[in-house]
Amino acid sequence: MKNALLITFILLATVSYSQRSKYKNLIEKDGKIGIGTSEPDAILTVKGQIHTQEVLVDLKGAVAPDYVFEHYFEGSSKLDPSYEFSSLDEVEQFIEKNHHLPGVPSANELEKEGMSLKEMNLILLEKVEELTLYLIEQQKEIETLKDSISTSKE
């Protein structure tokens, strides 16, 4: 009888231990998985750092910012008809007033609402393309000034 009780106790302890979750910070709720949170609000919600070698962001449905170049060289854009290329003076005035780049959410907005990688990468690419155009304009101006200086020296 003692052996049967001992075996029963060992079996119950083993079953109880094996059913205990090995992943204390992992939860499934309503078909959603949470890591580091007990309230997942998306298919996968992670509250904490993620270490990975690569993240692939699907850009389906997004418009790549080629509209910046299209608008600059064509005068308008079919890809994004509402896009307007601002002068550096307009950008400076906007920054002076709002303390962030036009078209980029403020720090307060980002803190409150966050932002998808897809959206932020597209915004940043738009800004890189605009910066490239400002550099091209400045280089042309430098070349014109060089020509002007060399002409006046002659």
N, C-alpha and C. Protein backbone atom coordinates (compact mmCIF):
# COMPACT_ATOMS: atom_id res chain seq x y z
N MET A 1 0.82 -1.19 0.00
CA MET A 1 0.00 0.00 0.00
C MET A 1 0.86 1.25 0.00
N LYS A 2 1.97 1.21 0.80
CA LYS A 2 2.86 2.37 0.83
C LYS A 2 3.48 2.62 -0.53
N ASN A 3 3.85 1.53 -1.22
CA ASN A 3 4.45 1.67 -2.56
C ASN A 3 3.45 2.26 -3.54
N ALA A 4 2.19 1.86 -3.48
CA ALA A 4 1.15 2.37 -4.37
C ALA A 4 0.94 3.86 -4.12
N LEU A 5 0.90 4.25 -2.84
CA LEU A 5 0.76 5.67 -2.50
C LEU A 5 1.96 6.47 -2.99
N LEU A 6 3.15 5.92 -2.82
CA LEU A 6 4.36 6.60 -3.26
C LEU A 6 4.38 6.77 -4.78
N ILE A 7 4.00 5.70 -5.51
CA ILE A 7 3.95 5.76 -6.97
C ILE A 7 2.90 6.77 -7.42
N THR A 8 1.73 6.76 -6.77
CA THR A 8 0.66 7.70 -7.10
C THR A 8 1.13 9.13 -6.87
N PHE A 9 1.78 9.38 -5.76
CA PHE A 9 2.29 10.71 -5.44
C PHE A 9 3.32 11.17 -6.48
N ILE A 10 4.23 10.29 -6.86
CA ILE A 10 5.25 10.62 -7.86
C ILE A 10 4.61 10.92 -9.20
N LEU A 11 3.62 10.10 -9.59
CA LEU A 11 2.94 10.33 -10.87
C LEU A 11 2.19 11.66 -10.87
N LEU A 12 1.48 11.96 -9.79
CA LEU A 12 0.76 13.23 -9.69
C LEU A 12 1.72 14.41 -9.73
N ALA A 13 2.81 14.30 -9.01
CA ALA A 13 3.80 15.38 -8.99
C ALA A 13 4.40 15.58 -10.37
N THR A 14 4.69 14.51 -11.08
CA THR A 14 5.27 14.58 -12.42
C THR A 14 4.29 15.22 -13.40
N VAL A 15 3.02 14.80 -13.36
CA VAL A 15 2.00 15.36 -14.24
C VAL A 15 1.81 16.85 -13.94
N SER A 16 1.72 17.21 -12.68
CA SER A 16 1.55 18.61 -12.29
C SER A 16 2.73 19.45 -12.77
N TYR A 17 3.93 18.93 -12.59
CA TYR A 17 5.13 19.66 -12.98
C TYR A 17 5.20 19.81 -14.50
N SER A 18 4.86 18.76 -15.24
CA SER A 18 4.97 18.80 -16.70
C SER A 18 3.91 19.71 -17.32
N GLN A 19 2.79 19.93 -16.64
CA GLN A 19 1.76 20.81 -17.18
C GLN A 19 2.04 22.27 -16.88
N ARG A 20 2.96 22.52 -15.99
CA ARG A 20 3.33 23.89 -15.67
C ARG A 20 4.07 24.48 -16.87
N SER A 21 3.76 25.70 -17.24
CA SER A 21 4.37 26.33 -18.41
C SER A 21 5.84 26.61 -18.18
N LYS A 22 6.65 26.21 -19.16
CA LYS A 22 8.08 26.51 -19.09
C LYS A 22 8.32 27.98 -19.41
N TYR A 23 7.39 28.59 -20.13
CA TYR A 23 7.55 29.97 -20.60
C TYR A 23 6.65 30.88 -19.78
N LYS A 24 7.17 31.40 -18.71
CA LYS A 24 6.37 32.22 -17.80
C LYS A 24 5.97 33.56 -18.40
N ASN A 25 6.75 34.05 -19.38
CA ASN A 25 6.43 35.35 -19.97
C ASN A 25 5.67 35.22 -21.29
N LEU A 26 5.16 34.02 -21.61
CA LEU A 26 4.42 33.75 -22.83
C LEU A 26 2.97 33.45 -22.48
N ILE A 27 2.05 34.13 -23.17
CA ILE A 27 0.63 33.91 -22.90
C ILE A 27 -0.14 33.88 -24.22
N GLU A 28 -1.19 33.07 -24.26
CA GLU A 28 -2.11 33.04 -25.40
C GLU A 28 -3.47 33.46 -24.89
N LYS A 29 -4.07 34.44 -25.59
CA LYS A 29 -5.38 34.93 -25.16
C LYS A 29 -6.18 35.31 -26.41
N ASP A 30 -7.33 34.71 -26.58
CA ASP A 30 -8.22 35.00 -27.72
C ASP A 30 -7.50 34.85 -29.06
N GLY A 31 -6.65 33.84 -29.19
CA GLY A 31 -5.95 33.60 -30.44
C GLY A 31 -4.76 34.52 -30.67
N LYS A 32 -4.43 35.33 -29.69
CA LYS A 32 -3.29 36.25 -29.79
C LYS A 32 -2.21 35.80 -28.82
N ILE A 33 -0.96 35.98 -29.22
CA ILE A 33 0.16 35.57 -28.37
C ILE A 33 0.83 36.81 -27.80
N GLY A 34 1.08 36.77 -26.51
CA GLY A 34 1.77 37.86 -25.84
C GLY A 34 3.07 37.38 -25.23
N ILE A 35 4.11 38.14 -25.43
CA ILE A 35 5.40 37.87 -24.79
C ILE A 35 5.71 39.08 -23.94
N GLY A 36 5.84 38.85 -22.64
CA GLY A 36 6.11 39.95 -21.73
C GLY A 36 4.88 40.78 -21.42
N THR A 37 3.71 40.30 -21.80
CA THR A 37 2.46 41.00 -21.51
C THR A 37 1.36 39.98 -21.30
N SER A 38 0.42 40.32 -20.46
CA SER A 38 -0.73 39.43 -20.25
C SER A 38 -1.92 39.88 -21.09
N GLU A 39 -1.77 40.99 -21.82
CA GLU A 39 -2.85 41.53 -22.64
C GLU A 39 -2.39 41.75 -24.08
N PRO A 40 -2.20 40.68 -24.86
CA PRO A 40 -1.79 40.87 -26.26
C PRO A 40 -2.91 41.57 -27.05
N ASP A 41 -2.53 42.57 -27.85
CA ASP A 41 -3.53 43.32 -28.62
C ASP A 41 -3.35 43.15 -30.13
N ALA A 42 -2.47 42.23 -30.53
CA ALA A 42 -2.27 41.90 -31.94
C ALA A 42 -1.97 40.41 -32.01
N ILE A 43 -1.83 39.89 -33.21
CA ILE A 43 -1.54 38.46 -33.35
C ILE A 43 -0.32 38.10 -32.51
N LEU A 44 0.70 38.96 -32.54
CA LEU A 44 1.87 38.78 -31.68
C LEU A 44 2.20 40.13 -31.06
N THR A 45 2.16 40.20 -29.74
CA THR A 45 2.50 41.41 -29.01
C THR A 45 3.71 41.12 -28.15
N VAL A 46 4.75 41.92 -28.31
CA VAL A 46 5.97 41.75 -27.52
C VAL A 46 6.21 43.04 -26.75
N LYS A 47 6.25 42.95 -25.45
CA LYS A 47 6.57 44.10 -24.61
C LYS A 47 8.00 43.88 -24.12
N GLY A 48 8.93 44.46 -24.82
CA GLY A 48 10.34 44.29 -24.47
C GLY A 48 11.17 44.27 -25.73
N GLN A 49 12.43 44.00 -25.57
CA GLN A 49 13.38 44.00 -26.68
C GLN A 49 13.26 42.75 -27.53
N ILE A 50 13.50 42.90 -28.82
CA ILE A 50 13.57 41.77 -29.73
C ILE A 50 14.95 41.79 -30.37
N HIS A 51 15.62 40.67 -30.38
CA HIS A 51 16.93 40.55 -31.03
C HIS A 51 16.74 39.67 -32.24
N THR A 52 17.05 40.23 -33.40
CA THR A 52 16.91 39.48 -34.64
C THR A 52 17.97 39.93 -35.62
N GLN A 53 18.23 39.13 -36.62
CA GLN A 53 19.19 39.52 -37.64
C GLN A 53 18.53 40.31 -38.76
N GLU A 54 17.25 40.12 -38.96
CA GLU A 54 16.59 40.80 -40.06
C GLU A 54 15.09 40.87 -39.81
N VAL A 55 14.49 41.96 -40.29
CA VAL A 55 13.04 42.11 -40.26
C VAL A 55 12.60 42.43 -41.68
N LEU A 56 11.68 41.67 -42.21
CA LEU A 56 11.13 41.93 -43.53
C LEU A 56 9.78 42.61 -43.35
N VAL A 57 9.66 43.81 -43.89
CA VAL A 57 8.41 44.56 -43.80
C VAL A 57 7.75 44.53 -45.18
N ASP A 58 6.54 44.03 -45.22
CA ASP A 58 5.79 43.94 -46.47
C ASP A 58 5.28 45.33 -46.83
N LEU A 59 5.64 45.82 -48.01
CA LEU A 59 5.22 47.16 -48.43
C LEU A 59 4.02 47.14 -49.37
N LYS A 60 3.35 46.00 -49.47
CA LYS A 60 2.18 45.92 -50.34
C LYS A 60 1.15 46.97 -49.93
N GLY A 61 0.65 47.68 -50.92
CA GLY A 61 -0.34 48.72 -50.65
C GLY A 61 0.26 50.07 -50.33
N ALA A 62 1.57 50.14 -50.12
CA ALA A 62 2.22 51.40 -49.81
C ALA A 62 2.76 52.02 -51.10
N VAL A 63 2.85 53.35 -51.10
CA VAL A 63 3.41 54.06 -52.24
C VAL A 63 4.84 54.45 -51.89
N ALA A 64 5.80 53.93 -52.66
CA ALA A 64 7.20 54.30 -52.44
C ALA A 64 7.36 55.79 -52.78
N PRO A 65 8.27 56.48 -52.09
CA PRO A 65 8.36 57.93 -52.28
C PRO A 65 9.04 58.39 -53.57
N ASP A 66 8.93 57.60 -54.63
CA ASP A 66 9.42 58.07 -55.93
C ASP A 66 8.65 59.31 -56.38
N TYR A 67 7.51 59.56 -55.75
CA TYR A 67 6.73 60.75 -56.07
C TYR A 67 7.51 62.03 -55.81
N VAL A 68 8.51 61.97 -54.92
CA VAL A 68 9.33 63.15 -54.64
C VAL A 68 10.07 63.56 -55.92
N PHE A 69 10.77 62.62 -56.54
CA PHE A 69 11.51 62.92 -57.76
C PHE A 69 10.56 63.23 -58.92
N GLU A 70 9.47 62.46 -58.99
CA GLU A 70 8.50 62.68 -60.05
C GLU A 70 7.97 64.11 -59.99
N HIS A 71 7.60 64.57 -58.79
CA HIS A 71 7.08 65.93 -58.63
C HIS A 71 8.14 66.97 -58.95
N TYR A 72 9.35 66.73 -58.51
CA TYR A 72 10.43 67.69 -58.70
C TYR A 72 10.75 67.88 -60.18
N PHE A 73 10.86 66.78 -60.92
CA PHE A 73 11.27 66.87 -62.32
C PHE A 73 10.11 67.05 -63.29
N GLU A 74 8.91 66.63 -62.90
CA GLU A 74 7.76 66.72 -63.79
C GLU A 74 6.81 67.86 -63.42
N GLY A 75 6.94 68.39 -62.21
CA GLY A 75 6.05 69.46 -61.75
C GLY A 75 4.84 68.96 -61.00
N SER A 76 4.56 67.67 -61.09
CA SER A 76 3.48 67.05 -60.33
C SER A 76 3.76 65.56 -60.26
N SER A 77 2.96 64.86 -59.47
CA SER A 77 3.18 63.42 -59.30
C SER A 77 1.88 62.66 -59.50
N LYS A 78 1.96 61.64 -60.34
CA LYS A 78 0.81 60.74 -60.50
C LYS A 78 0.75 59.76 -59.34
N LEU A 79 1.93 59.43 -58.78
CA LEU A 79 1.97 58.48 -57.67
C LEU A 79 1.32 59.06 -56.41
N ASP A 80 1.54 60.36 -56.16
CA ASP A 80 0.94 61.03 -55.01
C ASP A 80 0.64 62.48 -55.39
N PRO A 81 -0.53 62.71 -55.99
CA PRO A 81 -0.87 64.06 -56.46
C PRO A 81 -0.89 65.12 -55.37
N SER A 82 -1.04 64.72 -54.12
CA SER A 82 -1.10 65.71 -53.03
C SER A 82 0.29 66.15 -52.55
N TYR A 83 1.35 65.48 -53.01
CA TYR A 83 2.70 65.81 -52.54
C TYR A 83 3.15 67.16 -53.09
N GLU A 84 3.75 67.95 -52.23
CA GLU A 84 4.35 69.23 -52.61
C GLU A 84 5.78 69.27 -52.09
N PHE A 85 6.71 69.60 -52.97
CA PHE A 85 8.11 69.75 -52.58
C PHE A 85 8.28 71.15 -52.01
N SER A 86 8.74 71.21 -50.77
CA SER A 86 8.90 72.49 -50.08
C SER A 86 10.28 73.06 -50.31
N SER A 87 10.37 74.38 -50.32
CA SER A 87 11.68 75.02 -50.39
C SER A 87 12.36 74.87 -49.03
N LEU A 88 13.67 75.05 -49.01
CA LEU A 88 14.39 74.97 -47.73
C LEU A 88 13.90 76.05 -46.76
N ASP A 89 13.54 77.22 -47.28
CA ASP A 89 13.00 78.27 -46.42
C ASP A 89 11.70 77.83 -45.75
N GLU A 90 10.83 77.16 -46.52
CA GLU A 90 9.57 76.66 -45.95
C GLU A 90 9.84 75.58 -44.90
N VAL A 91 10.79 74.71 -45.17
CA VAL A 91 11.16 73.67 -44.20
C VAL A 91 11.69 74.30 -42.94
N GLU A 92 12.56 75.31 -43.09
CA GLU A 92 13.12 76.00 -41.92
C GLU A 92 12.02 76.64 -41.08
N GLN A 93 11.08 77.30 -41.72
CA GLN A 93 9.98 77.94 -40.99
C GLN A 93 9.14 76.90 -40.25
N PHE A 94 8.88 75.77 -40.91
CA PHE A 94 8.11 74.70 -40.26
C PHE A 94 8.85 74.17 -39.03
N ILE A 95 10.14 73.91 -39.20
CA ILE A 95 10.95 73.37 -38.08
C ILE A 95 11.00 74.37 -36.94
N GLU A 96 11.18 75.63 -37.27
CA GLU A 96 11.25 76.67 -36.23
C GLU A 96 9.95 76.72 -35.42
N LYS A 97 8.83 76.56 -36.10
CA LYS A 97 7.52 76.62 -35.43
C LYS A 97 7.18 75.31 -34.70
N ASN A 98 7.45 74.15 -35.32
CA ASN A 98 6.97 72.86 -34.81
C ASN A 98 8.03 71.98 -34.17
N HIS A 99 9.30 72.30 -34.39
CA HIS A 99 10.43 71.56 -33.82
C HIS A 99 10.52 70.11 -34.29
N HIS A 100 10.04 69.85 -35.50
CA HIS A 100 10.24 68.55 -36.16
C HIS A 100 10.05 68.76 -37.65
N LEU A 101 10.48 67.79 -38.44
CA LEU A 101 10.37 67.90 -39.90
C LEU A 101 8.92 67.82 -40.35
N PRO A 102 8.59 68.53 -41.43
CA PRO A 102 7.24 68.38 -41.99
C PRO A 102 7.02 66.95 -42.46
N GLY A 103 5.84 66.42 -42.18
CA GLY A 103 5.51 65.06 -42.61
C GLY A 103 6.01 63.99 -41.67
N VAL A 104 6.75 64.38 -40.64
CA VAL A 104 7.27 63.42 -39.66
C VAL A 104 6.53 63.67 -38.35
N PRO A 105 6.01 62.64 -37.71
CA PRO A 105 5.29 62.84 -36.45
C PRO A 105 6.22 63.43 -35.38
N SER A 106 5.63 64.21 -34.49
CA SER A 106 6.40 64.78 -33.39
C SER A 106 6.75 63.69 -32.37
N ALA A 107 7.68 64.01 -31.50
CA ALA A 107 8.07 63.06 -30.45
C ALA A 107 6.86 62.70 -29.59
N ASN A 108 6.01 63.68 -29.29
CA ASN A 108 4.81 63.41 -28.47
C ASN A 108 3.87 62.43 -29.18
N GLU A 109 3.67 62.64 -30.49
CA GLU A 109 2.80 61.74 -31.25
C GLU A 109 3.37 60.32 -31.25
N LEU A 110 4.68 60.21 -31.47
CA LEU A 110 5.31 58.89 -31.50
C LEU A 110 5.22 58.20 -30.15
N GLU A 111 5.38 58.96 -29.07
CA GLU A 111 5.31 58.38 -27.74
C GLU A 111 3.90 57.88 -27.42
N LYS A 112 2.90 58.66 -27.83
CA LYS A 112 1.51 58.29 -27.54
C LYS A 112 1.01 57.15 -28.43
N GLU A 113 1.29 57.24 -29.74
CA GLU A 113 0.67 56.34 -30.70
C GLU A 113 1.62 55.29 -31.27
N GLY A 114 2.93 55.52 -31.17
CA GLY A 114 3.88 54.63 -31.81
C GLY A 114 3.79 54.81 -33.32
N MET A 115 4.47 53.96 -34.07
CA MET A 115 4.41 54.06 -35.52
C MET A 115 4.92 52.76 -36.12
N SER A 116 4.31 52.36 -37.21
CA SER A 116 4.73 51.12 -37.87
C SER A 116 6.08 51.35 -38.55
N LEU A 117 6.87 50.29 -38.61
CA LEU A 117 8.16 50.37 -39.30
C LEU A 117 7.95 50.74 -40.77
N LYS A 118 6.94 50.17 -41.38
CA LYS A 118 6.67 50.44 -42.78
C LYS A 118 6.45 51.94 -43.00
N GLU A 119 5.59 52.52 -42.21
CA GLU A 119 5.26 53.94 -42.35
C GLU A 119 6.48 54.81 -42.09
N MET A 120 7.22 54.51 -41.02
CA MET A 120 8.38 55.33 -40.68
C MET A 120 9.47 55.21 -41.73
N ASN A 121 9.71 54.01 -42.24
CA ASN A 121 10.74 53.85 -43.27
C ASN A 121 10.38 54.62 -44.54
N LEU A 122 9.11 54.63 -44.91
CA LEU A 122 8.70 55.37 -46.09
C LEU A 122 8.85 56.88 -45.88
N ILE A 123 8.51 57.35 -44.69
CA ILE A 123 8.68 58.77 -44.38
C ILE A 123 10.17 59.14 -44.43
N LEU A 124 11.01 58.31 -43.83
CA LEU A 124 12.45 58.60 -43.82
C LEU A 124 13.02 58.57 -45.24
N LEU A 125 12.57 57.64 -46.08
CA LEU A 125 13.04 57.59 -47.46
C LEU A 125 12.61 58.86 -48.20
N GLU A 126 11.40 59.32 -47.94
CA GLU A 126 10.93 60.57 -48.55
C GLU A 126 11.87 61.71 -48.17
N LYS A 127 12.26 61.78 -46.91
CA LYS A 127 13.15 62.85 -46.44
C LYS A 127 14.54 62.73 -47.05
N VAL A 128 15.04 61.51 -47.22
CA VAL A 128 16.34 61.30 -47.87
C VAL A 128 16.28 61.79 -49.32
N GLU A 129 15.19 61.47 -50.01
CA GLU A 129 15.05 61.91 -51.40
C GLU A 129 14.97 63.43 -51.48
N GLU A 130 14.25 64.06 -50.54
CA GLU A 130 14.19 65.52 -50.52
C GLU A 130 15.58 66.11 -50.25
N LEU A 131 16.30 65.54 -49.30
CA LEU A 131 17.66 66.03 -49.01
C LEU A 131 18.56 65.90 -50.23
N THR A 132 18.42 64.82 -50.97
CA THR A 132 19.21 64.63 -52.18
C THR A 132 18.92 65.75 -53.18
N LEU A 133 17.66 66.10 -53.33
CA LEU A 133 17.30 67.19 -54.25
C LEU A 133 17.84 68.53 -53.77
N TYR A 134 17.79 68.78 -52.45
CA TYR A 134 18.36 70.03 -51.92
C TYR A 134 19.87 70.08 -52.19
N LEU A 135 20.55 68.95 -52.06
CA LEU A 135 21.98 68.90 -52.35
C LEU A 135 22.27 69.16 -53.83
N ILE A 136 21.46 68.59 -54.70
CA ILE A 136 21.62 68.82 -56.14
C ILE A 136 21.46 70.31 -56.43
N GLU A 137 20.43 70.93 -55.84
CA GLU A 137 20.21 72.37 -56.05
C GLU A 137 21.41 73.17 -55.54
N GLN A 138 21.91 72.82 -54.36
CA GLN A 138 23.06 73.55 -53.81
C GLN A 138 24.30 73.35 -54.67
N GLN A 139 24.50 72.16 -55.20
CA GLN A 139 25.67 71.91 -56.06
C GLN A 139 25.58 72.75 -57.32
N LYS A 140 24.40 72.85 -57.89
CA LYS A 140 24.22 73.70 -59.07
C LYS A 140 24.53 75.15 -58.74
N GLU A 141 24.08 75.59 -57.58
CA GLU A 141 24.34 76.96 -57.14
C GLU A 141 25.84 77.18 -56.94
N ILE A 142 26.53 76.22 -56.37
CA ILE A 142 27.98 76.31 -56.17
C ILE A 142 28.68 76.42 -57.52
N GLU A 143 28.27 75.58 -58.47
CA GLU A 143 28.89 75.61 -59.81
C GLU A 143 28.65 76.97 -60.47
N THR A 144 27.46 77.51 -60.34
CA THR A 144 27.15 78.83 -60.90
C THR A 144 28.03 79.89 -60.26
N LEU A 145 28.18 79.84 -58.95
CA LEU A 145 29.04 80.81 -58.25
C LEU A 145 30.50 80.68 -58.67
N LYS A 146 30.97 79.44 -58.84
CA LYS A 146 32.34 79.22 -59.30
C LYS A 146 32.55 79.84 -60.69
N ASP A 147 31.57 79.59 -61.58
CA ASP A 147 31.66 80.16 -62.93
C ASP A 147 31.65 81.68 -62.87
N SER A 148 30.81 82.22 -62.02
CA SER A 148 30.70 83.65 -61.88
C SER A 148 32.01 84.26 -61.37
N ILE A 149 32.62 83.61 -60.40
CA ILE A 149 33.89 84.09 -59.82
C ILE A 149 35.01 84.00 -60.86
N SER A 150 35.07 82.88 -61.59
CA SER A 150 36.14 82.72 -62.58
C SER A 150 35.94 83.72 -63.74
N THR A 151 34.69 84.02 -64.09
CA THR A 151 34.42 85.00 -65.15
C THR A 151 34.83 86.40 -64.70
N SER A 152 34.56 86.73 -63.44
CA SER A 152 34.89 88.06 -62.94
C SER A 152 36.39 88.25 -62.77
N LYS A 153 37.14 87.16 -62.58
CA LYS A 153 38.59 87.24 -62.46
C LYS A 153 39.26 87.51 -63.80
N GLU A 154 38.59 87.11 -64.88
CA GLU A 154 39.16 87.27 -66.23
C GLU A 154 38.97 88.64 -66.70
